[in-house]
C-alpha atoms as a PDB file:
ATOM      1  CA  MET A   1     159.419-130.063-142.185  1.00  0.00           C
ATOM      2  CA  SER A   2     157.395-127.943-140.173  1.00  0.00           C
ATOM      3  CA  MET A   3     158.708-125.628-137.342  1.00  0.00           C
ATOM      4  CA  LYS A   4     157.338-127.617-134.680  1.00  0.00           C
ATOM      5  CA  ASN A   5     158.783-131.190-136.339  1.00  0.00           C
ATOM      6  CA  LEU A   6     162.166-129.345-136.504  1.00  0.00           C
ATOM      7  CA  VAL A   7     162.054-128.426-132.455  1.00  0.00           C
ATOM      8  CA  THR A   8     161.382-132.003-131.606  1.00  0.00           C
ATOM      9  CA  PHE A   9     164.404-133.503-133.717  1.00  0.00           C
ATOM     10  CA  ILE A  10     166.684-130.967-132.460  1.00  0.00           C
ATOM     11  CA  THR A  11     164.861-131.684-129.519  1.00  0.00           C
ATOM     12  CA  PHE A  12     164.924-135.534-129.258  1.00  0.00           C
ATOM     13  CA  PHE A  13     167.798-136.619-131.521  1.00  0.00           C
ATOM     14  CA  PRO A  14     170.742-135.828-129.494  1.00  0.00           C
ATOM     15  CA  LEU A  15     168.649-137.053-126.404  1.00  0.00           C
ATOM     16  CA  LEU A  16     167.690-140.590-128.369  1.00  0.00           C
ATOM     17  CA  LEU A  17     171.429-140.864-129.622  1.00  0.00           C
ATOM     18  CA  GLY A  18     172.731-139.971-126.148  1.00  0.00           C
ATOM     19  CA  PHE A  19     170.884-143.087-125.140  1.00  0.00           C
ATOM     20  CA  ILE A  20     171.845-145.444-127.780  1.00  0.00           C
ATOM     21  CA  LEU A  21     175.594-144.739-127.106  1.00  0.00           C
ATOM     22  CA  ALA A  22     174.983-145.550-123.004  1.00  0.00           C
ATOM     23  CA  ALA A  23     173.643-148.424-124.023  1.00  0.00           C
ATOM     24  CA  VAL A  24     176.213-149.690-126.388  1.00  0.00           C
ATOM     25  CA  TRP A  25     178.974-148.279-123.636  1.00  0.00           C
ATOM     26  CA  TRP A  26     177.160-150.367-121.051  1.00  0.00           C
ATOM     27  CA  THR A  27     176.660-153.781-122.817  1.00  0.00           C
ATOM     28  CA  GLN A  28     180.449-153.272-123.875  1.00  0.00           C
ATOM     29  CA  GLY A  29     181.793-152.383-120.346  1.00  0.00           C
ATOM     30  CA  GLY A  30     178.894-153.076-117.653  1.00  0.00           C
ATOM     31  CA  SER A  31     180.017-150.063-115.865  1.00  0.00           C
ATOM     32  CA  PHE A  32     178.352-148.628-113.397  1.00  0.00           C
ATOM     33  CA  GLU A  33     178.988-145.363-114.789  1.00  0.00           C
ATOM     34  CA  SER A  34     176.996-145.985-118.187  1.00  0.00           C
ATOM     35  CA  LEU A  35     173.963-147.375-116.614  1.00  0.00           C
ATOM     36  CA  LEU A  36     173.339-144.315-114.574  1.00  0.00           C
ATOM     37  CA  THR A  37     174.102-142.410-117.905  1.00  0.00           C
ATOM     38  CA  GLY A  38     171.540-144.265-119.525  1.00  0.00           C
ATOM     39  CA  LEU A  39     168.992-144.274-116.888  1.00  0.00           C
ATOM     40  CA  GLY A  40     169.144-140.575-117.222  1.00  0.00           C
ATOM     41  CA  LEU A  41     168.923-140.015-120.548  1.00  0.00           C
ATOM     42  CA  LEU A  42     165.880-142.359-120.629  1.00  0.00           C
ATOM     43  CA  ALA A  43     163.628-140.608-117.733  1.00  0.00           C
ATOM     44  CA  THR A  44     164.783-136.859-119.520  1.00  0.00           C
ATOM     45  CA  ILE A  45     163.008-138.313-122.638  1.00  0.00           C
ATOM     46  CA  THR A  46     160.577-140.120-120.957  1.00  0.00           C
ATOM     47  CA  GLY A  47     159.781-136.812-118.695  1.00  0.00           C
ATOM     48  CA  ILE A  48     159.468-134.678-121.583  1.00  0.00           C
ATOM     49  CA  PHE A  49     156.919-136.915-123.257  1.00  0.00           C
ATOM     50  CA  GLY A  50     155.159-137.003-120.273  1.00  0.00           C
ATOM     51  CA  GLU A  51     155.399-133.630-119.661  1.00  0.00           C
ATOM     52  CA  ARG A  52     153.920-132.885-122.839  1.00  0.00           C
ATOM     53  CA  TRP A  53     150.920-135.421-123.161  1.00  0.00           C
ATOM     54  CA  ALA A  54     149.731-134.137-119.328  1.00  0.00           C
ATOM     55  CA  SER A  55     149.812-130.535-120.687  1.00  0.00           C
ATOM     56  CA  ALA A  56     147.399-132.114-123.754  1.00  0.00           C
ATOM     57  CA  ASN A  57     145.221-133.623-121.794  1.00  0.00           C
ATOM     58  CA  GLU A  58     144.824-130.676-119.666  1.00  0.00           C
ATOM     59  CA  LYS A  59     143.944-128.239-122.201  1.00  0.00           C
ATOM     60  CA  ARG A  60     141.662-130.912-123.822  1.00  0.00           C
ATOM     61  CA  ILE A  61     139.748-131.398-120.720  1.00  0.00           C
ATOM     62  CA  GLU A  62     139.708-127.570-120.116  1.00  0.00           C
ATOM     63  CA  PHE A  63     137.989-126.916-123.597  1.00  0.00           C
ATOM     64  CA  LEU A  64     135.620-129.989-123.084  1.00  0.00           C
ATOM     65  CA  ARG A  65     134.436-128.115-119.624  1.00  0.00           C
ATOM     66  CA  ALA A  66     134.194-124.824-121.558  1.00  0.00           C
ATOM     67  CA  LEU A  67     132.333-126.688-124.835  1.00  0.00           C
ATOM     68  CA  LEU A  68     129.993-127.656-122.314  1.00  0.00           C
ATOM     69  CA  ASN A  69     129.168-124.436-120.107  1.00  0.00           C
ATOM     70  CA  GLU A  70     129.023-122.397-123.624  1.00  0.00           C
ATOM     71  CA  CYS A  71     126.311-125.091-125.258  1.00  0.00           C
ATOM     72  CA  ARG A  72     124.228-124.871-121.618  1.00  0.00           C
ATOM     73  CA  SER A  73     124.351-120.780-122.093  1.00  0.00           C
ATOM     74  CA  ASN A  74     123.002-120.855-125.900  1.00  0.00           C
ATOM     75  CA  GLU A  75     120.255-123.694-124.388  1.00  0.00           C
ATOM     76  CA  VAL A  76     119.535-120.285-122.066  1.00  0.00           C
ATOM     77  CA  ILE A  77     119.967-118.433-125.073  1.00  0.00           C
ATOM     78  CA  LEU A  78     117.440-119.938-127.316  1.00  0.00           C
ATOM     79  CA  SER A  79     114.517-120.692-124.303  1.00  0.00           C
ATOM     80  CA  ASP A  80     114.616-117.102-123.634  1.00  0.00           C
ATOM     81  CA  SER A  81     111.117-115.678-124.080  1.00  0.00           C
ATOM     82  CA  ARG A  82     112.012-112.623-126.485  1.00  0.00           C
ATOM     83  CA  PHE A  83     112.258-115.581-128.817  1.00  0.00           C
ATOM     84  CA  ASN A  84     108.213-115.983-128.058  1.00  0.00           C
ATOM     85  CA  PRO A  85     106.082-114.076-130.017  1.00  0.00           C
ATOM     86  CA  ASN A  86     103.603-114.193-127.209  1.00  0.00           C
ATOM     87  CA  SER A  87     105.496-112.623-125.283  1.00  0.00           C
ATOM     88  CA  HIS A  88     105.971-109.331-126.698  1.00  0.00           C
ATOM     89  CA  LYS A  89     104.258-106.259-126.585  1.00  0.00           C
ATOM     90  CA  PRO A  90     102.475-105.204-129.738  1.00  0.00           C
ATOM     91  CA  GLY A  91     103.972-103.626-132.660  1.00  0.00           C
ATOM     92  CA  ARG A  92     107.178-103.225-130.481  1.00  0.00           C
ATOM     93  CA  PRO A  93     110.461-104.101-131.877  1.00  0.00           C
ATOM     94  CA  ILE A  94     113.468-105.913-129.550  1.00  0.00           C
ATOM     95  CA  VAL A  95     116.928-107.102-129.723  1.00  0.00           C
ATOM     96  CA  PHE A  96     117.540-110.552-129.523  1.00  0.00           C
ATOM     97  CA  PRO A  97     120.262-112.346-127.613  1.00  0.00           C
ATOM     98  CA  ARG A  98     123.126-114.200-130.190  1.00  0.00           C
ATOM     99  CA  LEU A  99     124.570-117.278-129.710  1.00  0.00           C
ATOM    100  CA  ILE A 100     128.221-117.856-128.167  1.00  0.00           C
ATOM    101  CA  ILE A 101     130.594-119.418-130.544  1.00  0.00           C
ATOM    102  CA  SER A 102     133.497-117.783-128.606  1.00  0.00           C
ATOM    103  CA  VAL A 103     134.739-121.618-127.295  1.00  0.00           C
ATOM    104  CA  THR A 104     134.337-123.039-130.692  1.00  0.00           C
ATOM    105  CA  GLU A 105     135.968-120.593-132.239  1.00  0.00           C
ATOM    106  CA  THR A 106     139.384-120.995-130.319  1.00  0.00           C
ATOM    107  CA  ALA A 107     138.659-125.223-130.130  1.00  0.00           C
ATOM    108  CA  ILE A 108     138.714-125.361-133.754  1.00  0.00           C
ATOM    109  CA  ALA A 109     141.560-122.751-134.416  1.00  0.00           C
ATOM    110  CA  SER A 110     143.993-124.950-131.811  1.00  0.00           C
ATOM    111  CA  ASN A 111     142.680-128.131-133.237  1.00  0.00           C
ATOM    112  CA  VAL A 112     142.309-129.604-129.752  1.00  0.00           C
ATOM    113  CA  PHE A 113     139.865-131.648-131.143  1.00  0.00           C
ATOM    114  CA  ALA A 114     141.422-132.862-133.912  1.00  0.00           C
ATOM    115  CA  GLU A 115     142.721-136.514-133.126  1.00  0.00           C
ATOM    116  CA  ARG A 116     140.985-139.685-134.142  1.00  0.00           C
ATOM    117  CA  GLN A 117     139.171-140.117-130.623  1.00  0.00           C
ATOM    118  CA  ASP A 118     137.527-136.535-131.001  1.00  0.00           C
ATOM    119  CA  ARG A 119     136.244-137.001-134.715  1.00  0.00           C
ATOM    120  CA  GLU A 120     132.749-136.805-134.205  1.00  0.00           C
ATOM    121  CA  LEU A 121     132.874-134.458-131.514  1.00  0.00           C
ATOM    122  CA  PHE A 122     135.191-132.174-134.419  1.00  0.00           C
ATOM    123  CA  SER A 123     132.502-132.875-137.027  1.00  0.00           C
ATOM    124  CA  LEU A 124     130.073-131.505-134.716  1.00  0.00           C
ATOM    125  CA  ILE A 125     131.428-128.208-133.339  1.00  0.00           C
ATOM    126  CA  HIS A 126     132.285-127.429-137.544  1.00  0.00           C
ATOM    127  CA  GLN A 127     128.279-127.872-138.134  1.00  0.00           C
ATOM    128  CA  TRP A 128     127.597-126.070-134.882  1.00  0.00           C
ATOM    129  CA  ARG A 129     129.635-122.594-135.878  1.00  0.00           C
ATOM    130  CA  HIS A 130     127.740-122.903-139.081  1.00  0.00           C
ATOM    131  CA  THR A 131     124.452-123.068-137.857  1.00  0.00           C
ATOM    132  CA  ALA A 132     125.453-120.444-135.166  1.00  0.00           C
ATOM    133  CA  ASN A 133     126.636-118.184-137.630  1.00  0.00           C
ATOM    134  CA  GLU A 134     123.277-118.804-139.496  1.00  0.00           C
ATOM    135  CA  PHE A 135     121.075-118.215-137.143  1.00  0.00           C
ATOM    136  CA  ASN A 136     123.038-115.135-135.926  1.00  0.00           C
ATOM    137  CA  ARG A 137     122.601-113.818-139.188  1.00  0.00           C
ATOM    138  CA  ARG A 138     119.104-114.460-139.568  1.00  0.00           C
ATOM    139  CA  LEU A 139     118.501-112.489-135.554  1.00  0.00           C
ATOM    140  CA  ASP A 140     120.024-109.396-137.785  1.00  0.00           C
ATOM    141  CA  ILE A 141     117.930-109.485-140.724  1.00  0.00           C
ATOM    142  CA  THR A 142     114.891-109.700-138.825  1.00  0.00           C
ATOM    143  CA  GLU A 143     116.305-107.296-136.186  1.00  0.00           C
ATOM    144  CA  LEU A 144     116.572-104.675-138.928  1.00  0.00           C
ATOM    145  CA  ARG A 145     113.599-105.105-140.507  1.00  0.00           C
ATOM    146  CA  THR A 146     111.341-104.668-137.890  1.00  0.00           C
ATOM    147  CA  PHE A 147     113.052-101.123-136.230  1.00  0.00           C
ATOM    148  CA  THR A 148     112.110-100.032-139.868  1.00  0.00           C
ATOM    149  CA  ASN A 149     108.173 -99.001-138.574  1.00  0.00           C
ATOM    150  CA  LEU A 150     106.632-101.736-139.910  1.00  0.00           C
ATOM    151  CA  SER A 151     102.835-102.449-138.477  1.00  0.00           C
ATOM    152  CA  PRO A 152     102.620-104.079-135.569  1.00  0.00           C
ATOM    153  CA  GLN A 153     101.143-106.924-137.257  1.00  0.00           C
ATOM    154  CA  GLU A 154     103.905-107.647-139.726  1.00  0.00           C
ATOM    155  CA  ILE A 155     106.456-107.415-136.660  1.00  0.00           C
ATOM    156  CA  ARG A 156     104.358-110.532-134.759  1.00  0.00           C
ATOM    157  CA  SER A 157     104.727-112.196-137.966  1.00  0.00           C
ATOM    158  CA  LEU A 158     108.665-111.476-138.573  1.00  0.00           C
ATOM    159  CA  TYR A 159     108.875-113.009-135.636  1.00  0.00           C
ATOM    160  CA  GLU A 160     106.667-115.868-135.699  1.00  0.00           C
ATOM    161  CA  ALA A 161     108.639-116.659-138.827  1.00  0.00           C
ATOM    162  CA  LEU A 162     111.650-116.727-136.904  1.00  0.00           C
ATOM    163  CA  GLN A 163     110.865-119.307-134.080  1.00  0.00           C
ATOM    164  CA  GLU A 164     109.470-121.165-137.056  1.00  0.00           C
ATOM    165  CA  SER A 165     112.728-120.684-139.153  1.00  0.00           C
ATOM    166  CA  LYS A 166     114.919-123.892-139.850  1.00  0.00           C
ATOM    167  CA  GLU A 167     117.939-121.986-138.407  1.00  0.00           C
ATOM    168  CA  PHE A 168     116.084-121.805-135.269  1.00  0.00           C
ATOM    169  CA  ASN A 169     115.287-125.185-134.713  1.00  0.00           C
ATOM    170  CA  GLU A 170     118.605-126.407-135.943  1.00  0.00           C
ATOM    171  CA  ALA A 171     120.359-124.667-133.314  1.00  0.00           C
ATOM    172  CA  LEU A 172     118.187-125.486-130.830  1.00  0.00           C
ATOM    173  CA  ASN A 173     118.404-129.638-131.779  1.00  0.00           C
ATOM    174  CA  LEU A 174     122.110-129.020-132.625  1.00  0.00           C
ATOM    175  CA  THR A 175     122.894-127.201-129.628  1.00  0.00           C
ATOM    176  CA  GLN A 176     121.008-130.227-127.354  1.00  0.00           C
ATOM    177  CA  HIS A 177     122.776-132.646-129.584  1.00  0.00           C
ATOM    178  CA  ILE A 178     126.136-131.839-128.606  1.00  0.00           C
ATOM    179  CA  THR A 179     125.102-131.076-124.786  1.00  0.00           C
ATOM    180  CA  THR A 180     123.897-134.962-124.672  1.00  0.00           C
ATOM    181  CA  PHE A 181     127.200-136.153-126.569  1.00  0.00           C
ATOM    182  CA  LEU A 182     129.291-134.559-124.609  1.00  0.00           C
ATOM    183  CA  LYS A 183     127.631-135.834-121.636  1.00  0.00           C
ATOM    184  CA  SER A 184     127.439-139.496-122.750  1.00  0.00           C
ATOM    185  CA  ASN A 185     130.830-139.648-124.668  1.00  0.00           C
ATOM    186  CA  TYR A 186     133.018-137.546-121.781  1.00  0.00           C
ATOM    187  CA  LEU A 187     130.840-137.144-118.540  1.00  0.00           C
ATOM    188  CA  LYS A 188     131.068-139.311-115.484  1.00  0.00           C
ATOM    189  CA  GLY A 189     129.031-138.090-112.939  1.00  0.00           C
ATOM    190  CA  PHE A 190     129.820-138.321-109.213  1.00  0.00           C
ATOM    191  CA  GLY A 191     126.398-137.029-106.985  1.00  0.00           C
ATOM    192  CA  ASP A 192     126.029-133.229-107.988  1.00  0.00           C
ATOM    193  CA  SER A 193     129.608-132.429-109.531  1.00  0.00           C
ATOM    194  CA  GLU A 194     130.609-133.936-113.260  1.00  0.00           C
ATOM    195  CA  VAL A 195     134.039-134.918-113.735  1.00  0.00           C
ATOM    196  CA  LEU A 196     135.239-135.109-117.337  1.00  0.00           C
ATOM    197  CA  THR A 197     137.029-138.122-118.670  1.00  0.00           C
ATOM    198  CA  PRO A 198     138.298-138.860-122.082  1.00  0.00           C
ATOM    199  CA  SER A 199     136.012-140.777-124.286  1.00  0.00           C
ATOM    200  CA  ARG A 200     136.428-144.657-123.833  1.00  0.00           C
ATOM    201  CA  ASN A 201     134.817-145.038-127.440  1.00  0.00           C
END
């Protein structure tokens, strides 16, 4: 038994046992005191469960907001002019912006999207983490090669290869797909504002 399950058992078993005994007490004597005791224990049990559910739901919504913001930031990064070879000064190596995966990493580690209703999203963010890491490694290699005194033509060829690479296209397509998925499954628009809601699928 995990520590979490053990704590849950220790917390709720005495309350549940007390509620059962209060119910038996009420059926035997029908006293007002037994009824109040049972109702008090029932309110305590449901209150604890309700608080835990509300806390978990609020955490999930905050992660959804942060994940959407991270996707939008990565779309901006991938549209940066530095990824366009035609915008570079000939023969001058540049440093590229990296894709952001901090929210993705935290969401995966916390298992906040591990429930059945979020199964597809959980799979997508795992895929995104892998894709973003691969793309960032490709940037490391490209920068390393361009800063080793290559000719302007060779540098341009490397930048063109980067823009046409599988890693770049996969990163661009996947971040757009996740953004669209979040909007269509978790967002409801109200004017200029957007409100995150649990998926109804």
